[in-house]
Amino acid sequence: MFPSARRPILAPPQVKKYYRVTVDTEQCDGCSLCTAFCPLDVLEIGAETNRRMLHFAVVANPLNCLGCDQCQRICPAAAIFVSEVATELEVWS
């Protein structure tokens, strides 16, 4: 058989996936590993402190999250959770 010269006219549709990033503020020790390893700056260290008087990570840009789970895997305190959600509105809840 001969190779086909046909090419698609349009790119296949891409479904945008949304992810909710949750930080357990009492568990977080503010080590900044999550902010250093996040490729899209979804997390940052906030100005507030938890009960242990430590600054903790907060979700700054939740819509930028690609769901790579780098922050969740690198967190030594296991204080970050990434989950896929169906709609953009669920990201903010």
C-alpha atoms as a PDB file:
ATOM      1  CA  MET A   1       0.000   0.000   0.000  1.00  0.00           C
ATOM      2  CA  PHE A   2       1.031   3.543  -0.648  1.00  0.00           C
ATOM      3  CA  PRO A   3       1.178   6.058   2.202  1.00  0.00           C
ATOM      4  CA  SER A   4      -1.759   8.432   2.205  1.00  0.00           C
ATOM      5  CA  ALA A   5      -1.166  12.111   1.533  1.00  0.00           C
ATOM      6  CA  ARG A   6      -4.453  13.053   3.176  1.00  0.00           C
ATOM      7  CA  ARG A   7      -4.209  15.302   6.211  1.00  0.00           C
ATOM      8  CA  PRO A   8      -6.982  16.411   8.554  1.00  0.00           C
ATOM      9  CA  ILE A   9      -8.346  19.884   7.863  1.00  0.00           C
ATOM     10  CA  LEU A  10      -9.039  20.694  11.498  1.00  0.00           C
ATOM     11  CA  ALA A  11      -7.225  19.571  14.594  1.00  0.00           C
ATOM     12  CA  PRO A  12      -9.187  17.120  16.743  1.00  0.00           C
ATOM     13  CA  PRO A  13     -11.155  18.868  19.467  1.00  0.00           C
ATOM     14  CA  GLN A  14      -9.395  19.157  22.798  1.00  0.00           C
ATOM     15  CA  VAL A  15     -11.427  18.826  25.953  1.00  0.00           C
ATOM     16  CA  LYS A  16     -10.307  21.283  28.616  1.00  0.00           C
ATOM     17  CA  LYS A  17      -9.859  19.526  31.937  1.00  0.00           C
ATOM     18  CA  TYR A  18     -10.195  21.382  35.202  1.00  0.00           C
ATOM     19  CA  TYR A  19      -8.429  20.522  38.435  1.00  0.00           C
ATOM     20  CA  ARG A  20      -9.091  21.585  42.009  1.00  0.00           C
ATOM     21  CA  VAL A  21      -6.012  22.104  44.163  1.00  0.00           C
ATOM     22  CA  THR A  22      -6.692  21.864  47.890  1.00  0.00           C
ATOM     23  CA  VAL A  23      -4.182  22.756  50.593  1.00  0.00           C
ATOM     24  CA  ASP A  24      -4.612  21.504  54.159  1.00  0.00           C
ATOM     25  CA  THR A  25      -3.498  24.715  55.840  1.00  0.00           C
ATOM     26  CA  GLU A  26      -2.967  23.156  59.267  1.00  0.00           C
ATOM     27  CA  GLN A  27      -0.779  20.388  57.831  1.00  0.00           C
ATOM     28  CA  CYS A  28       1.293  22.654  55.567  1.00  0.00           C
ATOM     29  CA  ASP A  29       4.641  23.747  57.000  1.00  0.00           C
ATOM     30  CA  GLY A  30       5.399  26.384  54.344  1.00  0.00           C
ATOM     31  CA  CYS A  31       8.527  24.710  52.951  1.00  0.00           C
ATOM     32  CA  SER A  32       7.909  26.278  49.473  1.00  0.00           C
ATOM     33  CA  LEU A  33       8.741  23.077  47.581  1.00  0.00           C
ATOM     34  CA  CYS A  34       5.331  23.118  45.895  1.00  0.00           C
ATOM     35  CA  THR A  35       5.817  26.688  44.660  1.00  0.00           C
ATOM     36  CA  ALA A  36       9.282  25.858  43.342  1.00  0.00           C
ATOM     37  CA  PHE A  37       8.189  22.734  41.442  1.00  0.00           C
ATOM     38  CA  CYS A  38       4.875  24.003  40.017  1.00  0.00           C
ATOM     39  CA  PRO A  39       5.492  24.797  36.335  1.00  0.00           C
ATOM     40  CA  LEU A  40       2.610  27.297  36.117  1.00  0.00           C
ATOM     41  CA  ASP A  41       2.769  29.109  39.478  1.00  0.00           C
ATOM     42  CA  VAL A  42      -0.567  27.802  40.716  1.00  0.00           C
ATOM     43  CA  LEU A  43       0.564  27.939  44.350  1.00  0.00           C
ATOM     44  CA  GLU A  44       2.267  30.617  46.406  1.00  0.00           C
ATOM     45  CA  ILE A  45       3.115  31.083  50.068  1.00  0.00           C
ATOM     46  CA  GLY A  46       0.503  33.292  51.715  1.00  0.00           C
ATOM     47  CA  ALA A  47       0.860  36.001  54.338  1.00  0.00           C
ATOM     48  CA  GLU A  48      -1.425  34.277  56.862  1.00  0.00           C
ATOM     49  CA  THR A  49      -0.186  31.741  59.409  1.00  0.00           C
ATOM     50  CA  ASN A  50      -1.684  28.514  60.723  1.00  0.00           C
ATOM     51  CA  ARG A  51      -1.926  27.335  64.348  1.00  0.00           C
ATOM     52  CA  ARG A  52       1.751  26.426  64.358  1.00  0.00           C
ATOM     53  CA  MET A  53       2.598  30.024  63.322  1.00  0.00           C
ATOM     54  CA  LEU A  54       3.881  28.891  59.920  1.00  0.00           C
ATOM     55  CA  HIS A  55       3.059  30.550  56.615  1.00  0.00           C
ATOM     56  CA  PHE A  56       1.252  28.059  54.373  1.00  0.00           C
ATOM     57  CA  ALA A  57       0.730  27.582  50.646  1.00  0.00           C
ATOM     58  CA  VAL A  58      -2.370  29.067  49.035  1.00  0.00           C
ATOM     59  CA  VAL A  59      -3.860  28.500  45.596  1.00  0.00           C
ATOM     60  CA  ALA A  60      -3.188  31.686  43.636  1.00  0.00           C
ATOM     61  CA  ASN A  61      -4.080  30.702  40.040  1.00  0.00           C
ATOM     62  CA  PRO A  62      -6.345  27.641  40.125  1.00  0.00           C
ATOM     63  CA  LEU A  63      -7.357  27.782  36.453  1.00  0.00           C
ATOM     64  CA  ASN A  64      -3.718  27.396  35.388  1.00  0.00           C
ATOM     65  CA  CYS A  65      -3.472  23.918  36.909  1.00  0.00           C
ATOM     66  CA  LEU A  66      -2.751  21.149  34.388  1.00  0.00           C
ATOM     67  CA  GLY A  67      -3.146  18.314  36.867  1.00  0.00           C
ATOM     68  CA  CYS A  68       0.514  17.260  36.714  1.00  0.00           C
ATOM     69  CA  ASP A  69       0.473  16.462  40.471  1.00  0.00           C
ATOM     70  CA  GLN A  70       4.032  17.765  40.950  1.00  0.00           C
ATOM     71  CA  CYS A  71       2.988  19.738  44.020  1.00  0.00           C
ATOM     72  CA  GLN A  72       1.120  16.794  45.509  1.00  0.00           C
ATOM     73  CA  ARG A  73       4.052  14.418  44.997  1.00  0.00           C
ATOM     74  CA  ILE A  74       6.757  16.784  46.269  1.00  0.00           C
ATOM     75  CA  CYS A  75       4.926  17.913  49.438  1.00  0.00           C
ATOM     76  CA  PRO A  76       6.709  16.368  52.460  1.00  0.00           C
ATOM     77  CA  ALA A  77       3.737  17.093  54.733  1.00  0.00           C
ATOM     78  CA  ALA A  78       1.175  15.532  52.333  1.00  0.00           C
ATOM     79  CA  ALA A  79      -0.873  18.700  52.625  1.00  0.00           C
ATOM     80  CA  ILE A  80      -1.747  19.214  48.930  1.00  0.00           C
ATOM     81  CA  PHE A  81      -4.462  17.362  47.034  1.00  0.00           C
ATOM     82  CA  VAL A  82      -5.185  17.648  43.302  1.00  0.00           C
ATOM     83  CA  SER A  83      -8.456  16.303  41.914  1.00  0.00           C
ATOM     84  CA  GLU A  84     -10.130  16.531  38.527  1.00  0.00           C
ATOM     85  CA  VAL A  85     -13.473  18.328  38.419  1.00  0.00           C
ATOM     86  CA  ALA A  86     -16.088  18.542  35.682  1.00  0.00           C
ATOM     87  CA  THR A  87     -16.600  22.296  35.309  1.00  0.00           C
ATOM     88  CA  GLU A  88     -14.753  25.550  35.860  1.00  0.00           C
ATOM     89  CA  LEU A  89     -17.202  26.499  38.624  1.00  0.00           C
ATOM     90  CA  GLU A  90     -16.159  23.488  40.703  1.00  0.00           C
ATOM     91  CA  VAL A  91     -12.547  24.719  40.686  1.00  0.00           C
ATOM     92  CA  TRP A  92     -13.556  27.670  42.882  1.00  0.00           C
ATOM     93  CA  SER A  93     -15.693  25.719  45.356  1.00  0.00           C
END
